[in-house]
Amino acid sequence: MNNVRNSGAALIRITIIDSYKTVSLPADPLLARQIVGACAPNPKTVEDLLLAAEPFRPGITKRIINALLDFERRRFQNWLVKLDPATDIFEVEDDHLNKLARQALSAGLITIDLTGGVIGVAVPAFQKVGNELKREAELPVFENGEVSKKAITYSLDKHWKIENLDSQLNYWVPGSSQSPSQPPQQGNQQAGFLVKG
């Protein structure tokens, strides 16, 4: 997956929905928060959201697009390609992938509906007081494979809603025998961001 997530970290499934497509990917908790922060400039497409995430995690757009192309290539070569929910990034193209895109990984699920302005959260760690996803927060920038001293503050517009998803989600734990398909100031001011460091 080309370092889209940190190895060894708990995984959160992130599913992003726009008017034309749905893309789903596994992410470490920091990347999950960074992608939520990338909603600040009100992106309308998956591509716009990925580009908005670039200040948080430089190179993320290219890595995700390449992973999507790789998944499509593998599916074309073998329609019954086995999906690894812990590493595969995919575009939802059928009922099976739609089900997987809405299934929590070991640390939960976040859905981002760009057309409806709704961020759905089913991440137990994020539902604790003081650790919840916030409308405004300061997040570190991930550079050269590690967290840097730089930080970006994001602020979501009022139209964004953060809602708890159904607690009846199926969780897939990496390494388990369960199939995932069985029953998620200072600085330069930019649109919705305050860059520090």
N, C-alpha and C. Protein backbone atom coordinates (compact mmCIF):
# COMPACT_ATOMS: atom_id res chain seq x y z
N MET A 1 0.82 -1.19 0.00
CA MET A 1 0.00 0.00 0.00
C MET A 1 0.85 1.24 0.00
N ASN A 2 2.11 1.10 -0.07
CA ASN A 2 3.02 2.23 -0.22
C ASN A 2 2.94 3.23 0.93
N ASN A 3 2.99 2.74 2.16
CA ASN A 3 3.05 3.61 3.34
C ASN A 3 1.85 4.52 3.51
N VAL A 4 0.66 4.09 3.09
CA VAL A 4 -0.53 4.90 3.32
C VAL A 4 -0.90 4.83 4.80
N ARG A 5 -0.52 3.76 5.45
CA ARG A 5 -0.77 3.64 6.89
C ARG A 5 0.53 3.27 7.57
N ASN A 6 0.60 3.45 8.88
CA ASN A 6 1.76 3.04 9.65
C ASN A 6 1.64 1.56 9.97
N SER A 7 2.69 0.79 9.74
CA SER A 7 2.63 -0.62 10.06
C SER A 7 2.55 -0.80 11.56
N GLY A 8 1.79 -1.78 11.99
CA GLY A 8 1.64 -2.08 13.40
C GLY A 8 0.59 -1.25 14.11
N ALA A 9 0.03 -0.26 13.47
CA ALA A 9 -0.98 0.59 14.11
C ALA A 9 -2.35 -0.04 13.97
N ALA A 10 -3.24 0.32 14.89
CA ALA A 10 -4.64 -0.07 14.76
C ALA A 10 -5.17 0.55 13.47
N LEU A 11 -6.08 -0.13 12.80
CA LEU A 11 -6.56 0.34 11.51
C LEU A 11 -8.01 0.79 11.56
N ILE A 12 -8.26 1.88 10.87
CA ILE A 12 -9.61 2.43 10.71
C ILE A 12 -9.92 2.39 9.22
N ARG A 13 -11.10 1.87 8.86
CA ARG A 13 -11.52 1.91 7.46
C ARG A 13 -12.10 3.29 7.22
N ILE A 14 -11.63 3.96 6.16
CA ILE A 14 -12.16 5.26 5.75
C ILE A 14 -12.85 5.05 4.42
N THR A 15 -14.12 5.39 4.33
CA THR A 15 -14.87 5.27 3.09
C THR A 15 -15.35 6.66 2.70
N ILE A 16 -14.95 7.09 1.51
CA ILE A 16 -15.23 8.44 1.03
C ILE A 16 -16.22 8.35 -0.14
N ILE A 17 -17.30 9.10 -0.04
CA ILE A 17 -18.38 9.05 -1.03
C ILE A 17 -18.53 10.42 -1.66
N ASP A 18 -18.51 10.46 -3.01
CA ASP A 18 -18.87 11.70 -3.70
C ASP A 18 -20.01 11.39 -4.66
N SER A 19 -20.34 12.30 -5.54
CA SER A 19 -21.49 12.11 -6.45
C SER A 19 -21.26 11.01 -7.47
N TYR A 20 -20.01 10.65 -7.72
CA TYR A 20 -19.68 9.72 -8.79
C TYR A 20 -19.11 8.39 -8.34
N LYS A 21 -18.51 8.37 -7.16
CA LYS A 21 -17.84 7.14 -6.76
C LYS A 21 -17.69 7.05 -5.24
N THR A 22 -17.31 5.85 -4.81
CA THR A 22 -16.99 5.58 -3.41
C THR A 22 -15.63 4.90 -3.39
N VAL A 23 -14.72 5.45 -2.58
CA VAL A 23 -13.38 4.90 -2.42
C VAL A 23 -13.19 4.54 -0.96
N SER A 24 -12.54 3.40 -0.71
CA SER A 24 -12.35 2.94 0.65
C SER A 24 -10.89 2.55 0.87
N LEU A 25 -10.37 2.90 2.06
CA LEU A 25 -8.97 2.62 2.37
C LEU A 25 -8.78 2.40 3.86
N PRO A 26 -7.77 1.60 4.22
CA PRO A 26 -7.40 1.47 5.64
C PRO A 26 -6.46 2.61 6.01
N ALA A 27 -6.57 3.07 7.25
CA ALA A 27 -5.72 4.18 7.70
C ALA A 27 -5.38 4.03 9.16
N ASP A 28 -4.20 4.52 9.53
CA ASP A 28 -3.87 4.61 10.94
C ASP A 28 -4.67 5.77 11.54
N PRO A 29 -4.81 5.86 12.86
CA PRO A 29 -5.62 6.93 13.47
C PRO A 29 -5.21 8.34 13.09
N LEU A 30 -3.92 8.61 12.93
CA LEU A 30 -3.49 9.95 12.54
C LEU A 30 -3.95 10.28 11.13
N LEU A 31 -3.75 9.36 10.20
CA LEU A 31 -4.20 9.60 8.83
C LEU A 31 -5.72 9.79 8.80
N ALA A 32 -6.45 9.03 9.60
CA ALA A 32 -7.91 9.19 9.66
C ALA A 32 -8.27 10.61 10.06
N ARG A 33 -7.61 11.13 11.09
CA ARG A 33 -7.89 12.51 11.53
C ARG A 33 -7.46 13.52 10.45
N GLN A 34 -6.35 13.23 9.77
CA GLN A 34 -5.88 14.14 8.72
C GLN A 34 -6.88 14.19 7.56
N ILE A 35 -7.45 13.06 7.20
CA ILE A 35 -8.43 13.04 6.12
C ILE A 35 -9.69 13.79 6.54
N VAL A 36 -10.10 13.64 7.80
CA VAL A 36 -11.23 14.43 8.29
C VAL A 36 -10.88 15.92 8.23
N GLY A 37 -9.67 16.28 8.65
CA GLY A 37 -9.22 17.67 8.57
C GLY A 37 -9.22 18.21 7.15
N ALA A 38 -8.99 17.33 6.19
CA ALA A 38 -8.97 17.73 4.78
C ALA A 38 -10.37 18.10 4.27
N CYS A 39 -11.40 17.86 5.08
CA CYS A 39 -12.75 18.28 4.71
C CYS A 39 -12.95 19.78 4.91
N ALA A 40 -12.03 20.45 5.60
CA ALA A 40 -12.16 21.88 5.92
C ALA A 40 -12.39 22.77 4.70
N PRO A 41 -11.69 22.56 3.58
CA PRO A 41 -11.96 23.43 2.42
C PRO A 41 -13.18 22.99 1.60
N ASN A 42 -13.99 22.09 2.14
CA ASN A 42 -15.24 21.63 1.51
C ASN A 42 -15.04 21.00 0.14
N PRO A 43 -14.23 19.95 0.06
CA PRO A 43 -14.01 19.28 -1.23
C PRO A 43 -15.31 18.65 -1.73
N LYS A 44 -15.45 18.59 -3.03
CA LYS A 44 -16.66 18.02 -3.64
C LYS A 44 -16.43 16.62 -4.19
N THR A 45 -15.15 16.26 -4.46
CA THR A 45 -14.85 14.95 -5.03
C THR A 45 -13.79 14.26 -4.18
N VAL A 46 -13.67 12.96 -4.38
CA VAL A 46 -12.62 12.19 -3.70
C VAL A 46 -11.26 12.79 -4.01
N GLU A 47 -11.04 13.14 -5.27
CA GLU A 47 -9.76 13.71 -5.69
C GLU A 47 -9.48 15.03 -4.97
N ASP A 48 -10.52 15.88 -4.85
CA ASP A 48 -10.36 17.15 -4.13
C ASP A 48 -10.00 16.91 -2.67
N LEU A 49 -10.62 15.91 -2.05
CA LEU A 49 -10.32 15.59 -0.65
C LEU A 49 -8.87 15.12 -0.50
N LEU A 50 -8.43 14.26 -1.40
CA LEU A 50 -7.04 13.78 -1.34
C LEU A 50 -6.06 14.93 -1.51
N LEU A 51 -6.35 15.83 -2.44
CA LEU A 51 -5.47 16.99 -2.64
C LEU A 51 -5.47 17.88 -1.39
N ALA A 52 -6.61 18.00 -0.73
CA ALA A 52 -6.68 18.80 0.50
C ALA A 52 -5.93 18.13 1.65
N ALA A 53 -5.71 16.82 1.56
CA ALA A 53 -4.96 16.10 2.60
C ALA A 53 -3.45 16.22 2.41
N GLU A 54 -3.01 16.69 1.25
CA GLU A 54 -1.58 16.80 0.95
C GLU A 54 -0.79 17.60 1.99
N PRO A 55 -1.29 18.74 2.49
CA PRO A 55 -0.50 19.47 3.50
C PRO A 55 -0.25 18.65 4.77
N PHE A 56 -1.18 17.77 5.12
CA PHE A 56 -1.02 16.91 6.29
C PHE A 56 -0.05 15.76 6.03
N ARG A 57 -0.17 15.16 4.84
CA ARG A 57 0.59 13.96 4.51
C ARG A 57 1.05 14.07 3.05
N PRO A 58 2.15 14.77 2.80
CA PRO A 58 2.62 14.96 1.42
C PRO A 58 2.78 13.63 0.69
N GLY A 59 2.27 13.59 -0.54
CA GLY A 59 2.36 12.38 -1.36
C GLY A 59 1.18 11.45 -1.23
N ILE A 60 0.23 11.75 -0.34
CA ILE A 60 -0.88 10.82 -0.10
C ILE A 60 -1.75 10.64 -1.35
N THR A 61 -1.97 11.69 -2.10
CA THR A 61 -2.81 11.59 -3.30
C THR A 61 -2.21 10.60 -4.29
N LYS A 62 -0.94 10.74 -4.57
CA LYS A 62 -0.27 9.85 -5.52
C LYS A 62 -0.30 8.40 -5.02
N ARG A 63 -0.03 8.20 -3.73
CA ARG A 63 -0.02 6.84 -3.19
C ARG A 63 -1.39 6.19 -3.28
N ILE A 64 -2.46 6.93 -2.99
CA ILE A 64 -3.80 6.35 -3.04
C ILE A 64 -4.23 6.10 -4.48
N ILE A 65 -3.97 7.05 -5.37
CA ILE A 65 -4.32 6.85 -6.79
C ILE A 65 -3.56 5.64 -7.35
N ASN A 66 -2.28 5.52 -7.05
CA ASN A 66 -1.51 4.36 -7.52
C ASN A 66 -2.06 3.06 -6.95
N ALA A 67 -2.46 3.07 -5.68
CA ALA A 67 -3.02 1.87 -5.06
C ALA A 67 -4.35 1.50 -5.72
N LEU A 68 -5.17 2.50 -6.06
CA LEU A 68 -6.43 2.23 -6.77
C LEU A 68 -6.17 1.63 -8.14
N LEU A 69 -5.19 2.17 -8.86
CA LEU A 69 -4.84 1.63 -10.17
C LEU A 69 -4.31 0.20 -10.06
N ASP A 70 -3.50 -0.06 -9.03
CA ASP A 70 -2.98 -1.40 -8.82
C ASP A 70 -4.09 -2.39 -8.52
N PHE A 71 -5.04 -1.99 -7.70
CA PHE A 71 -6.17 -2.86 -7.38
C PHE A 71 -6.98 -3.17 -8.64
N GLU A 72 -7.24 -2.14 -9.45
CA GLU A 72 -7.98 -2.35 -10.70
C GLU A 72 -7.22 -3.29 -11.64
N ARG A 73 -5.91 -3.13 -11.72
CA ARG A 73 -5.10 -4.00 -12.58
C ARG A 73 -5.22 -5.45 -12.11
N ARG A 74 -5.10 -5.66 -10.81
CA ARG A 74 -5.19 -7.02 -10.27
C ARG A 74 -6.58 -7.61 -10.49
N ARG A 75 -7.62 -6.78 -10.34
CA ARG A 75 -8.99 -7.27 -10.57
C ARG A 75 -9.20 -7.61 -12.04
N PHE A 76 -8.63 -6.83 -12.93
CA PHE A 76 -8.77 -7.10 -14.35
C PHE A 76 -8.09 -8.42 -14.71
N GLN A 77 -6.93 -8.66 -14.13
CA GLN A 77 -6.18 -9.88 -14.42
C GLN A 77 -6.85 -11.11 -13.81
N ASN A 78 -7.50 -10.93 -12.69
CA ASN A 78 -8.16 -12.05 -12.01
C ASN A 78 -9.38 -11.51 -11.29
N TRP A 79 -10.55 -11.69 -11.88
CA TRP A 79 -11.79 -11.12 -11.34
C TRP A 79 -12.04 -11.55 -9.90
N LEU A 80 -11.56 -12.70 -9.52
CA LEU A 80 -11.79 -13.22 -8.17
C LEU A 80 -10.63 -12.90 -7.23
N VAL A 81 -9.93 -11.81 -7.49
CA VAL A 81 -8.79 -11.42 -6.66
C VAL A 81 -9.22 -11.35 -5.20
N LYS A 82 -8.38 -11.90 -4.32
CA LYS A 82 -8.68 -11.88 -2.90
C LYS A 82 -8.30 -10.51 -2.33
N LEU A 83 -9.22 -9.92 -1.62
CA LEU A 83 -9.03 -8.60 -1.05
C LEU A 83 -8.43 -8.71 0.34
N ASP A 84 -7.43 -7.90 0.62
CA ASP A 84 -6.86 -7.81 1.96
C ASP A 84 -7.31 -6.48 2.55
N PRO A 85 -8.32 -6.49 3.44
CA PRO A 85 -8.86 -5.25 3.99
C PRO A 85 -7.82 -4.40 4.73
N ALA A 86 -6.75 -5.01 5.22
CA ALA A 86 -5.73 -4.27 5.96
C ALA A 86 -4.79 -3.49 5.05
N THR A 87 -4.76 -3.81 3.76
CA THR A 87 -3.82 -3.12 2.88
C THR A 87 -4.47 -2.57 1.61
N ASP A 88 -5.54 -3.19 1.13
CA ASP A 88 -6.09 -2.78 -0.16
C ASP A 88 -6.92 -1.52 -0.08
N ILE A 89 -6.69 -0.66 -1.04
CA ILE A 89 -7.48 0.54 -1.29
C ILE A 89 -8.28 0.22 -2.53
N PHE A 90 -9.59 0.48 -2.50
CA PHE A 90 -10.40 0.10 -3.65
C PHE A 90 -11.53 1.08 -3.89
N GLU A 91 -12.00 1.09 -5.15
CA GLU A 91 -13.21 1.82 -5.50
C GLU A 91 -14.35 0.82 -5.49
N VAL A 92 -15.46 1.19 -4.91
CA VAL A 92 -16.62 0.30 -4.81
C VAL A 92 -17.23 0.15 -6.20
N GLU A 93 -17.25 -1.12 -6.66
CA GLU A 93 -17.77 -1.42 -7.99
C GLU A 93 -18.85 -2.48 -7.98
N ASP A 94 -19.07 -3.12 -6.83
CA ASP A 94 -20.09 -4.17 -6.75
C ASP A 94 -20.57 -4.29 -5.31
N ASP A 95 -21.54 -5.16 -5.08
CA ASP A 95 -22.13 -5.32 -3.75
C ASP A 95 -21.12 -5.82 -2.73
N HIS A 96 -20.24 -6.72 -3.15
CA HIS A 96 -19.23 -7.25 -2.23
C HIS A 96 -18.31 -6.12 -1.73
N LEU A 97 -17.81 -5.30 -2.64
CA LEU A 97 -16.93 -4.19 -2.25
C LEU A 97 -17.71 -3.14 -1.45
N ASN A 98 -18.98 -2.95 -1.76
CA ASN A 98 -19.80 -2.02 -1.00
C ASN A 98 -19.92 -2.48 0.45
N LYS A 99 -20.10 -3.77 0.64
CA LYS A 99 -20.20 -4.32 2.00
C LYS A 99 -18.87 -4.14 2.75
N LEU A 100 -17.76 -4.42 2.08
CA LEU A 100 -16.45 -4.26 2.71
C LEU A 100 -16.16 -2.80 3.05
N ALA A 101 -16.59 -1.88 2.19
CA ALA A 101 -16.34 -0.45 2.41
C ALA A 101 -17.07 0.07 3.64
N ARG A 102 -18.09 -0.64 4.09
CA ARG A 102 -18.87 -0.21 5.24
C ARG A 102 -18.63 -1.09 6.46
N GLN A 103 -17.55 -1.86 6.41
CA GLN A 103 -17.20 -2.74 7.52
C GLN A 103 -15.99 -2.19 8.25
N ALA A 104 -16.12 -2.05 9.55
CA ALA A 104 -15.04 -1.51 10.37
C ALA A 104 -13.84 -2.43 10.38
N LEU A 105 -12.66 -1.84 10.45
CA LEU A 105 -11.43 -2.60 10.69
C LEU A 105 -11.21 -2.67 12.20
N SER A 106 -10.03 -3.06 12.64
CA SER A 106 -9.79 -3.31 14.07
C SER A 106 -10.07 -2.11 14.97
N ALA A 107 -9.87 -0.88 14.46
CA ALA A 107 -10.09 0.31 15.29
C ALA A 107 -11.35 1.07 14.89
N GLY A 108 -12.07 0.62 13.87
CA GLY A 108 -13.33 1.26 13.55
C GLY A 108 -13.51 1.64 12.10
N LEU A 109 -14.47 2.54 11.88
CA LEU A 109 -14.88 2.98 10.55
C LEU A 109 -15.23 4.46 10.57
N ILE A 110 -14.81 5.17 9.53
CA ILE A 110 -15.23 6.55 9.31
C ILE A 110 -15.74 6.62 7.88
N THR A 111 -16.94 7.18 7.71
CA THR A 111 -17.45 7.43 6.37
C THR A 111 -17.52 8.94 6.18
N ILE A 112 -17.15 9.38 5.00
CA ILE A 112 -17.19 10.80 4.67
C ILE A 112 -18.04 10.96 3.43
N ASP A 113 -19.23 11.54 3.60
CA ASP A 113 -20.14 11.80 2.49
C ASP A 113 -19.93 13.24 2.06
N LEU A 114 -19.19 13.42 0.97
CA LEU A 114 -18.85 14.76 0.50
C LEU A 114 -20.06 15.51 -0.03
N THR A 115 -21.03 14.81 -0.59
CA THR A 115 -22.21 15.48 -1.13
C THR A 115 -23.18 15.89 -0.01
N GLY A 116 -23.27 15.09 1.03
CA GLY A 116 -24.19 15.39 2.12
C GLY A 116 -23.56 16.15 3.27
N GLY A 117 -22.22 16.25 3.28
CA GLY A 117 -21.54 16.96 4.36
C GLY A 117 -21.64 16.24 5.69
N VAL A 118 -21.58 14.89 5.65
CA VAL A 118 -21.72 14.10 6.87
C VAL A 118 -20.48 13.23 7.06
N ILE A 119 -19.91 13.29 8.26
CA ILE A 119 -18.80 12.42 8.64
C ILE A 119 -19.36 11.45 9.67
N GLY A 120 -19.44 10.18 9.30
CA GLY A 120 -19.94 9.15 10.20
C GLY A 120 -18.78 8.49 10.91
N VAL A 121 -18.90 8.33 12.22
CA VAL A 121 -17.79 7.81 13.03
C VAL A 121 -18.23 6.61 13.85
N ALA A 122 -17.51 5.52 13.70
CA ALA A 122 -17.67 4.35 14.55
C ALA A 122 -16.26 3.92 14.95
N VAL A 123 -15.62 4.75 15.75
CA VAL A 123 -14.27 4.51 16.23
C VAL A 123 -14.32 4.65 17.74
N PRO A 124 -14.35 3.52 18.47
CA PRO A 124 -14.49 3.59 19.93
C PRO A 124 -13.51 4.56 20.59
N ALA A 125 -12.26 4.58 20.14
CA ALA A 125 -11.28 5.47 20.76
C ALA A 125 -11.62 6.94 20.52
N PHE A 126 -12.28 7.25 19.39
CA PHE A 126 -12.63 8.63 19.07
C PHE A 126 -13.93 9.05 19.75
N GLN A 127 -14.64 8.12 20.38
CA GLN A 127 -15.90 8.46 21.02
C GLN A 127 -15.73 8.75 22.51
N LYS A 128 -14.49 8.68 23.00
CA LYS A 128 -14.21 9.01 24.39
C LYS A 128 -14.03 10.51 24.52
N VAL A 129 -14.49 11.06 25.63
CA VAL A 129 -14.36 12.49 25.87
C VAL A 129 -12.88 12.87 25.84
N GLY A 130 -12.57 13.92 25.10
CA GLY A 130 -11.20 14.39 24.98
C GLY A 130 -10.45 13.78 23.82
N ASN A 131 -10.98 12.71 23.24
CA ASN A 131 -10.31 12.07 22.11
C ASN A 131 -11.20 12.04 20.87
N GLU A 132 -12.40 12.60 20.97
CA GLU A 132 -13.35 12.54 19.86
C GLU A 132 -12.88 13.39 18.68
N LEU A 133 -13.43 13.07 17.51
CA LEU A 133 -13.16 13.90 16.34
C LEU A 133 -13.80 15.25 16.60
N LYS A 134 -13.06 16.28 16.31
CA LYS A 134 -13.56 17.62 16.60
C LYS A 134 -13.73 18.41 15.32
N ARG A 135 -14.58 19.42 15.38
CA ARG A 135 -14.81 20.30 14.24
C ARG A 135 -13.59 21.17 13.97
N GLU A 136 -12.79 21.38 15.00
CA GLU A 136 -11.55 22.14 14.86
C GLU A 136 -10.48 21.47 15.70
N ALA A 137 -9.32 21.29 15.12
CA ALA A 137 -8.22 20.64 15.85
C ALA A 137 -6.89 20.96 15.18
N GLU A 138 -5.83 20.80 15.94
CA GLU A 138 -4.48 20.94 15.42
C GLU A 138 -3.89 19.55 15.27
N LEU A 139 -3.38 19.25 14.08
CA LEU A 139 -2.83 17.93 13.79
C LEU A 139 -1.40 18.05 13.30
N PRO A 140 -0.56 17.10 13.67
CA PRO A 140 0.81 17.11 13.17
C PRO A 140 0.87 16.74 11.69
N VAL A 141 1.91 17.19 11.04
CA VAL A 141 2.17 16.86 9.64
C VAL A 141 3.07 15.63 9.61
N PHE A 142 2.78 14.71 8.72
CA PHE A 142 3.56 13.48 8.57
C PHE A 142 4.48 13.67 7.37
N GLU A 143 5.80 13.71 7.62
CA GLU A 143 6.76 13.91 6.54
C GLU A 143 7.90 12.91 6.64
N ASN A 144 8.38 12.47 5.49
CA ASN A 144 9.53 11.56 5.44
C ASN A 144 9.36 10.34 6.34
N GLY A 145 8.15 9.81 6.37
CA GLY A 145 7.89 8.59 7.12
C GLY A 145 7.70 8.76 8.61
N GLU A 146 7.61 10.00 9.10
CA GLU A 146 7.42 10.20 10.54
C GLU A 146 6.68 11.50 10.82
N VAL A 147 6.19 11.62 12.04
CA VAL A 147 5.50 12.83 12.46
C VAL A 147 6.52 13.94 12.63
N SER A 148 6.25 15.09 12.02
CA SER A 148 7.18 16.21 12.10
C SER A 148 6.76 17.17 13.21
N LYS A 149 7.53 18.24 13.39
CA LYS A 149 7.18 19.26 14.38
C LYS A 149 6.17 20.26 13.83
N LYS A 150 5.90 20.18 12.53
CA LYS A 150 4.92 21.07 11.92
C LYS A 150 3.51 20.62 12.32
N ALA A 151 2.61 21.59 12.36
CA ALA A 151 1.22 21.27 12.68
C ALA A 151 0.30 22.12 11.82
N ILE A 152 -0.88 21.59 11.56
CA ILE A 152 -1.91 22.31 10.81
C ILE A 152 -3.18 22.29 11.65
N THR A 153 -3.81 23.44 11.79
CA THR A 153 -5.10 23.52 12.45
C THR A 153 -6.17 23.57 11.38
N TYR A 154 -7.16 22.69 11.50
CA TYR A 154 -8.28 22.71 10.55
C TYR A 154 -9.53 23.15 11.30
N SER A 155 -10.48 23.66 10.54
CA SER A 155 -11.77 24.07 11.09
C SER A 155 -12.85 23.73 10.07
N LEU A 156 -13.75 22.82 10.44
CA LEU A 156 -14.83 22.43 9.54
C LEU A 156 -15.93 23.48 9.53
N ASP A 157 -16.51 23.75 8.37
CA ASP A 157 -17.64 24.66 8.26
C ASP A 157 -18.84 24.11 9.02
N LYS A 158 -19.81 24.98 9.27
CA LYS A 158 -21.02 24.60 10.01
C LYS A 158 -21.84 23.54 9.30
N HIS A 159 -21.76 23.48 7.98
CA HIS A 159 -22.60 22.51 7.25
C HIS A 159 -22.16 21.06 7.48
N TRP A 160 -20.94 20.85 7.95
CA TRP A 160 -20.47 19.48 8.22
C TRP A 160 -21.12 18.96 9.50
N LYS A 161 -21.63 17.73 9.42
CA LYS A 161 -22.19 17.06 10.59
C LYS A 161 -21.28 15.89 10.93
N ILE A 162 -20.97 15.72 12.21
CA ILE A 162 -20.23 14.54 12.67
C ILE A 162 -21.20 13.70 13.47
N GLU A 163 -21.46 12.49 12.97
CA GLU A 163 -22.46 11.62 13.58
C GLU A 163 -21.87 10.27 13.94
N ASN A 164 -22.40 9.67 14.99
CA ASN A 164 -22.02 8.30 15.35
C ASN A 164 -22.72 7.34 14.40
N LEU A 165 -21.96 6.37 13.91
CA LEU A 165 -22.54 5.32 13.08
C LEU A 165 -23.13 4.25 13.97
N ASP A 166 -23.89 3.37 13.39
CA ASP A 166 -24.51 2.26 14.10
C ASP A 166 -23.46 1.44 14.83
N SER A 167 -23.70 1.16 16.08
CA SER A 167 -22.74 0.38 16.87
C SER A 167 -22.78 -1.11 16.53
N GLN A 168 -23.67 -1.52 15.66
CA GLN A 168 -23.79 -2.93 15.28
C GLN A 168 -22.88 -3.29 14.11
N LEU A 169 -21.75 -2.63 14.00
CA LEU A 169 -20.83 -2.90 12.89
C LEU A 169 -20.05 -4.18 13.12
N ASN A 170 -19.68 -4.80 12.01
CA ASN A 170 -18.78 -5.95 12.07
C ASN A 170 -17.35 -5.43 12.10
N TYR A 171 -16.52 -5.99 12.96
CA TYR A 171 -15.12 -5.59 13.03
C TYR A 171 -14.24 -6.71 12.50
N TRP A 172 -13.28 -6.36 11.68
CA TRP A 172 -12.32 -7.31 11.17
C TRP A 172 -10.99 -7.03 11.83
N VAL A 173 -10.38 -8.05 12.39
CA VAL A 173 -9.10 -7.90 13.08
C VAL A 173 -8.02 -8.54 12.21
N PRO A 174 -6.96 -7.77 11.84
CA PRO A 174 -5.89 -8.35 11.03
C PRO A 174 -5.33 -9.61 11.66
N GLY A 175 -5.12 -10.62 10.84
CA GLY A 175 -4.56 -11.87 11.33
C GLY A 175 -5.62 -12.85 11.81
N SER A 176 -6.89 -12.43 11.87
CA SER A 176 -7.94 -13.34 12.34
C SER A 176 -8.35 -14.25 11.20
N SER A 177 -8.97 -15.36 11.55
CA SER A 177 -9.44 -16.28 10.52
C SER A 177 -10.80 -15.87 9.99
N GLN A 178 -11.44 -14.92 10.66
CA GLN A 178 -12.74 -14.44 10.20
C GLN A 178 -12.60 -13.72 8.88
N SER A 179 -13.45 -14.06 7.94
CA SER A 179 -13.43 -13.38 6.65
C SER A 179 -14.00 -11.98 6.80
N PRO A 180 -13.36 -10.97 6.21
CA PRO A 180 -13.88 -9.62 6.33
C PRO A 180 -15.22 -9.44 5.61
N SER A 181 -15.61 -10.38 4.76
CA SER A 181 -16.86 -10.24 4.05
C SER A 181 -18.02 -10.88 4.81
N GLN A 182 -17.77 -11.44 6.00
CA GLN A 182 -18.83 -12.03 6.79
C GLN A 182 -19.30 -11.04 7.85
N PRO A 183 -20.72 -11.34 8.12
CA PRO A 183 -21.27 -10.72 9.28
C PRO A 183 -21.11 -11.52 10.55
N PRO A 184 -16.66 1.94 10.60
CA PRO A 184 -15.90 2.39 10.61
C PRO A 184 -15.40 3.70 11.12
N GLN A 185 -3.62 32.64 16.44
CA GLN A 185 -2.62 31.81 16.24
C GLN A 185 -1.62 32.40 15.26
N GLN A 186 -0.77 31.08 14.91
CA GLN A 186 0.26 31.60 14.02
C GLN A 186 0.29 30.73 12.78
N GLY A 187 0.95 31.30 11.74
CA GLY A 187 1.12 30.48 10.56
C GLY A 187 0.45 31.07 9.34
N ASN A 188 0.50 30.31 8.25
CA ASN A 188 -0.11 30.74 6.99
C ASN A 188 -1.54 30.25 6.94
N GLN A 189 -2.49 31.14 6.73
CA GLN A 189 -3.90 30.77 6.65
C GLN A 189 -4.24 30.34 5.24
N GLN A 190 -4.78 29.13 5.10
CA GLN A 190 -5.29 28.64 3.83
C GLN A 190 -6.74 28.29 4.07
N ALA A 191 -7.51 27.96 3.02
CA ALA A 191 -8.93 27.66 3.17
C ALA A 191 -9.18 26.60 4.22
N GLY A 192 -9.67 27.00 5.38
CA GLY A 192 -9.98 26.08 6.45
C GLY A 192 -8.80 25.58 7.26
N PHE A 193 -7.58 26.04 6.93
CA PHE A 193 -6.37 25.55 7.59
C PHE A 193 -5.56 26.68 8.20
N LEU A 194 -4.84 26.37 9.24
CA LEU A 194 -3.82 27.27 9.78
C LEU A 194 -2.56 26.43 9.90
N VAL A 195 -1.53 26.78 9.13
CA VAL A 195 -0.32 25.98 9.05
C VAL A 195 0.71 26.54 10.04
N LYS A 196 1.27 25.66 10.89
CA LYS A 196 2.30 26.06 11.85
C LYS A 196 3.56 25.26 11.59
N GLY A 197 4.69 25.81 12.03
CA GLY A 197 5.94 25.05 11.98
C GLY A 197 6.87 25.48 10.88
